[in-house]
Amino acid sequence: MTDTTDNLHVMNRAALTKRLVAGLTKREAVVGGIGNSNWDLWGADRTRAENFYMLGSMGLAAPIAMGVALAQPARRVIALEGDGSLLMQLGCLSTIAAQAVKNLTVVIWDNGIYQITGGQGTPAAAARTDMVAIARASGIASAAWAADEAEFDVLVARALSTDGPHVIGVKIDNEPGRNQTDRDPIRFRESFMRAMAQPV
């Protein structure tokens, strides 16, 4: 596992989202953050009822996923969140650590920009802020950068089989999402609620 951002392979968010979703076999919940994070989740498997597509609320993927994880401790829950979105709710990392949410994993897609609003650089990118180091300093011991695709798979497997909380940082390219999620929040809410009512 990688502790710093030095020499990280830049990966593709959509491809990794497909890899992650394809490996889920136990009705794990996945919360996609706004924009590209949920567009890629939609593109990976739009028929999967355990996917929740957050629309229009920047920075809330990790807090929503934490709520699901606390309510359903037997279910593994994964938040897919961009670095710009996480900056909006950075305090959630301390809350996740304080609550010791064992079944929660936060994947941070880090390209250093606010991609869906025009590609403006984030303050964290300008300051060379290490999002995984922030997670670790917030009290999340299991926080690491994925050096490449193979290590991403290893970190996901660990997160799905051991107590967390876990944070996985991934340096990604700037390829835009190619699958716009349907703008139907009521359908998403109801489908997700029905899925969460099913046993793991």
Protein backbone atom coordinates (compact mmCIF):
# COMPACT_ATOMS: atom_id res chain seq x y z
CA MET A 1 0.00 0.00 0.00
CA THR A 2 1.27 3.45 -0.85
CA ASP A 3 1.65 6.16 1.79
CA THR A 4 2.46 9.14 -0.47
CA THR A 5 1.48 10.54 -3.84
CA ASP A 6 4.99 10.00 -5.23
CA ASN A 7 5.16 7.89 -8.41
CA LEU A 8 1.47 7.00 -8.54
CA HIS A 9 0.12 5.67 -11.81
CA VAL A 10 -2.65 7.91 -13.18
CA MET A 11 -5.71 5.72 -13.74
CA ASN A 12 -9.12 5.96 -15.37
CA ARG A 13 -12.10 6.48 -13.07
CA ALA A 14 -14.69 4.81 -15.35
CA ALA A 15 -12.58 1.69 -15.85
CA LEU A 16 -11.92 1.33 -12.12
CA THR A 17 -15.58 1.86 -11.29
CA LYS A 18 -16.48 -1.00 -13.63
CA ARG A 19 -13.84 -3.21 -12.00
CA LEU A 20 -15.13 -2.39 -8.54
CA VAL A 21 -18.81 -2.95 -9.31
CA ALA A 22 -18.13 -6.18 -11.22
CA GLY A 23 -16.46 -7.61 -8.11
CA LEU A 24 -19.36 -6.96 -5.73
CA THR A 25 -21.20 -10.16 -4.84
CA LYS A 26 -22.85 -9.53 -1.45
CA ARG A 27 -25.37 -6.74 -2.14
CA GLU A 28 -22.88 -4.07 -1.11
CA ALA A 29 -24.24 -0.51 -1.25
CA VAL A 30 -22.40 1.98 -3.47
CA VAL A 31 -23.03 5.72 -3.21
CA GLY A 32 -21.86 7.75 -6.20
CA GLY A 33 -21.03 11.42 -5.61
CA ILE A 34 -22.22 14.15 -7.93
CA GLY A 35 -21.18 14.37 -11.55
CA ASN A 36 -18.61 11.96 -12.92
CA SER A 37 -18.56 9.69 -9.87
CA ASN A 38 -22.21 8.75 -10.29
CA TRP A 39 -22.16 8.94 -14.09
CA ASP A 40 -19.48 6.27 -14.11
CA LEU A 41 -21.39 4.22 -11.54
CA TRP A 42 -24.48 4.49 -13.77
CA GLY A 43 -22.40 3.38 -16.75
CA ALA A 44 -20.91 0.45 -14.83
CA ASP A 45 -24.29 -1.15 -14.04
CA ARG A 46 -27.45 0.97 -14.11
CA THR A 47 -29.60 -2.05 -13.25
CA ARG A 48 -27.93 -2.58 -9.87
CA ALA A 49 -30.48 -1.54 -7.23
CA GLU A 50 -27.81 -1.23 -4.51
CA ASN A 51 -26.30 1.77 -6.32
CA PHE A 52 -27.36 5.19 -5.06
CA TYR A 53 -26.84 8.14 -7.38
CA MET A 54 -26.52 11.40 -5.49
CA LEU A 55 -27.76 14.30 -7.58
CA GLY A 56 -26.88 17.93 -6.97
CA SER A 57 -25.38 17.85 -3.46
CA MET A 58 -21.65 18.34 -3.56
CA GLY A 59 -19.65 16.56 -0.88
CA LEU A 60 -22.38 14.33 0.55
CA ALA A 61 -21.46 10.92 -0.85
CA ALA A 62 -19.33 9.98 2.17
CA PRO A 63 -21.82 11.29 4.78
CA ILE A 64 -24.72 9.49 3.07
CA ALA A 65 -22.69 6.29 2.83
CA MET A 66 -21.77 6.63 6.51
CA GLY A 67 -25.46 6.85 7.41
CA VAL A 68 -26.24 3.73 5.39
CA ALA A 69 -23.30 1.89 6.97
CA LEU A 70 -24.37 2.81 10.51
CA ALA A 71 -27.95 1.77 9.81
CA GLN A 72 -26.89 -1.54 8.25
CA PRO A 73 -23.74 -2.78 9.99
CA ALA A 74 -23.89 -6.18 8.25
CA ARG A 75 -23.67 -4.57 4.78
CA ARG A 76 -20.46 -3.24 3.21
CA VAL A 77 -20.91 0.32 1.96
CA ILE A 78 -18.69 2.17 -0.51
CA ALA A 79 -18.67 5.91 -1.27
CA LEU A 80 -17.23 7.08 -4.58
CA GLU A 81 -16.23 10.71 -4.13
CA GLY A 82 -14.22 13.23 -6.11
CA ASP A 83 -11.46 15.20 -4.43
CA GLY A 84 -13.22 18.52 -5.07
CA SER A 85 -16.44 17.22 -3.54
CA LEU A 86 -14.67 15.81 -0.50
CA LEU A 87 -13.12 19.22 0.13
CA MET A 88 -16.67 20.55 0.65
CA GLN A 89 -17.23 18.15 3.57
CA LEU A 90 -13.72 17.39 4.77
CA GLY A 91 -14.91 17.16 8.37
CA CYS A 92 -16.79 13.98 7.52
CA LEU A 93 -13.49 12.09 7.69
CA SER A 94 -13.15 12.92 11.39
CA THR A 95 -16.76 11.92 11.99
CA ILE A 96 -16.27 8.61 10.17
CA ALA A 97 -13.19 7.94 12.29
CA ALA A 98 -14.91 8.95 15.53
CA GLN A 99 -17.87 6.69 14.77
CA ALA A 100 -15.50 3.84 13.82
CA VAL A 101 -17.70 2.80 10.90
CA LYS A 102 -16.25 -0.67 10.33
CA ASN A 103 -18.18 -1.47 7.14
CA LEU A 104 -17.50 1.79 5.26
CA THR A 105 -15.00 2.48 2.48
CA VAL A 106 -14.46 5.89 0.88
CA VAL A 107 -12.81 5.90 -2.55
CA ILE A 108 -11.35 9.31 -3.40
CA TRP A 109 -11.03 10.00 -7.14
CA ASP A 110 -8.31 12.67 -7.22
CA ASN A 111 -7.59 14.61 -10.42
CA GLY A 112 -7.00 17.96 -8.72
CA ILE A 113 -9.81 19.78 -10.53
CA TYR A 114 -13.49 20.64 -10.28
CA GLN A 115 -14.12 18.73 -13.48
CA ILE A 116 -17.84 19.21 -14.14
CA THR A 117 -17.77 22.98 -13.54
CA GLY A 118 -15.06 23.74 -16.05
CA GLY A 119 -11.87 22.10 -14.86
CA GLN A 120 -10.80 24.72 -12.35
CA GLY A 121 -7.94 23.56 -10.14
CA THR A 122 -8.81 22.77 -6.53
CA PRO A 123 -7.07 24.60 -3.70
CA ALA A 124 -5.81 21.23 -2.52
CA ALA A 125 -4.07 20.63 -5.83
CA ALA A 126 -2.41 24.06 -5.72
CA ALA A 127 -1.19 23.37 -2.20
CA ARG A 128 -0.18 19.77 -3.02
CA THR A 129 -2.57 18.58 -0.32
CA ASP A 130 -2.49 14.82 0.32
CA MET A 131 -6.10 13.69 0.80
CA VAL A 132 -5.09 10.25 2.11
CA ALA A 133 -2.75 11.84 4.66
CA ILE A 134 -5.69 13.99 5.81
CA ALA A 135 -7.81 10.86 6.23
CA ARG A 136 -5.07 9.20 8.25
CA ALA A 137 -4.57 12.30 10.39
CA SER A 138 -8.33 12.37 10.96
CA GLY A 139 -8.07 8.95 12.61
CA ILE A 140 -8.67 6.55 9.71
CA ALA A 141 -5.72 4.18 10.05
CA SER A 142 -6.61 2.14 6.97
CA ALA A 143 -6.02 4.86 4.39
CA ALA A 144 -3.71 4.37 1.41
CA TRP A 145 -3.06 5.46 -2.14
CA ALA A 146 -3.48 2.85 -4.88
CA ALA A 147 -0.24 2.89 -6.84
CA ASP A 148 -1.81 1.17 -9.87
CA GLU A 149 -4.81 -0.90 -10.96
CA ALA A 150 -3.54 -4.09 -9.34
CA GLU A 151 -3.07 -2.37 -6.00
CA PHE A 152 -6.52 -0.80 -6.32
CA ASP A 153 -7.95 -4.32 -6.57
CA VAL A 154 -5.96 -5.39 -3.50
CA LEU A 155 -7.16 -2.40 -1.47
CA VAL A 156 -10.79 -2.97 -2.47
CA ALA A 157 -10.53 -6.66 -1.55
CA ARG A 158 -9.09 -5.72 1.84
CA ALA A 159 -11.85 -3.18 2.41
CA LEU A 160 -14.51 -5.79 1.63
CA SER A 161 -13.02 -8.39 3.96
CA THR A 162 -11.64 -6.49 6.98
CA ASP A 163 -12.91 -3.96 9.49
CA GLY A 164 -12.54 -0.31 8.55
CA PRO A 165 -13.24 2.40 8.02
CA HIS A 166 -11.12 2.38 4.89
CA VAL A 167 -10.04 5.16 2.53
CA ILE A 168 -8.60 4.42 -0.90
CA GLY A 169 -7.02 7.31 -2.78
CA VAL A 170 -6.72 7.08 -6.55
CA LYS A 171 -4.97 9.52 -8.88
CA ILE A 172 -7.15 9.70 -11.99
CA ASP A 173 -7.02 11.27 -15.44
CA ASN A 174 -9.38 13.99 -16.65
CA GLU A 175 -11.55 11.88 -18.94
CA PRO A 176 -15.13 13.12 -18.56
CA GLY A 177 -17.97 10.81 -17.63
CA ARG A 178 -19.72 9.43 -20.70
CA ASN A 179 -22.94 8.15 -19.14
CA GLN A 180 -25.24 10.87 -17.82
CA THR A 181 -27.33 9.52 -14.95
CA ASP A 182 -31.09 9.82 -15.33
CA ARG A 183 -32.42 12.84 -13.42
CA ASP A 184 -34.93 10.82 -11.40
CA PRO A 185 -34.11 11.15 -7.69
CA ILE A 186 -37.42 9.72 -6.47
CA ARG A 187 -36.94 6.51 -8.47
CA PHE A 188 -33.38 6.20 -7.24
CA ARG A 189 -34.42 6.72 -3.63
CA GLU A 190 -37.21 4.17 -3.77
CA SER A 191 -35.19 1.56 -5.64
CA PHE A 192 -32.29 1.96 -3.22
CA MET A 193 -34.59 1.73 -0.18
CA ARG A 194 -36.11 -1.50 -1.49
CA ALA A 195 -32.61 -2.90 -2.08
CA MET A 196 -31.50 -1.95 1.43
CA ALA A 197 -34.52 -3.79 2.85
CA GLN A 198 -33.16 -7.03 1.40
CA PRO A 199 -30.87 -9.13 3.60
CA VAL A 200 -27.16 -9.30 2.84
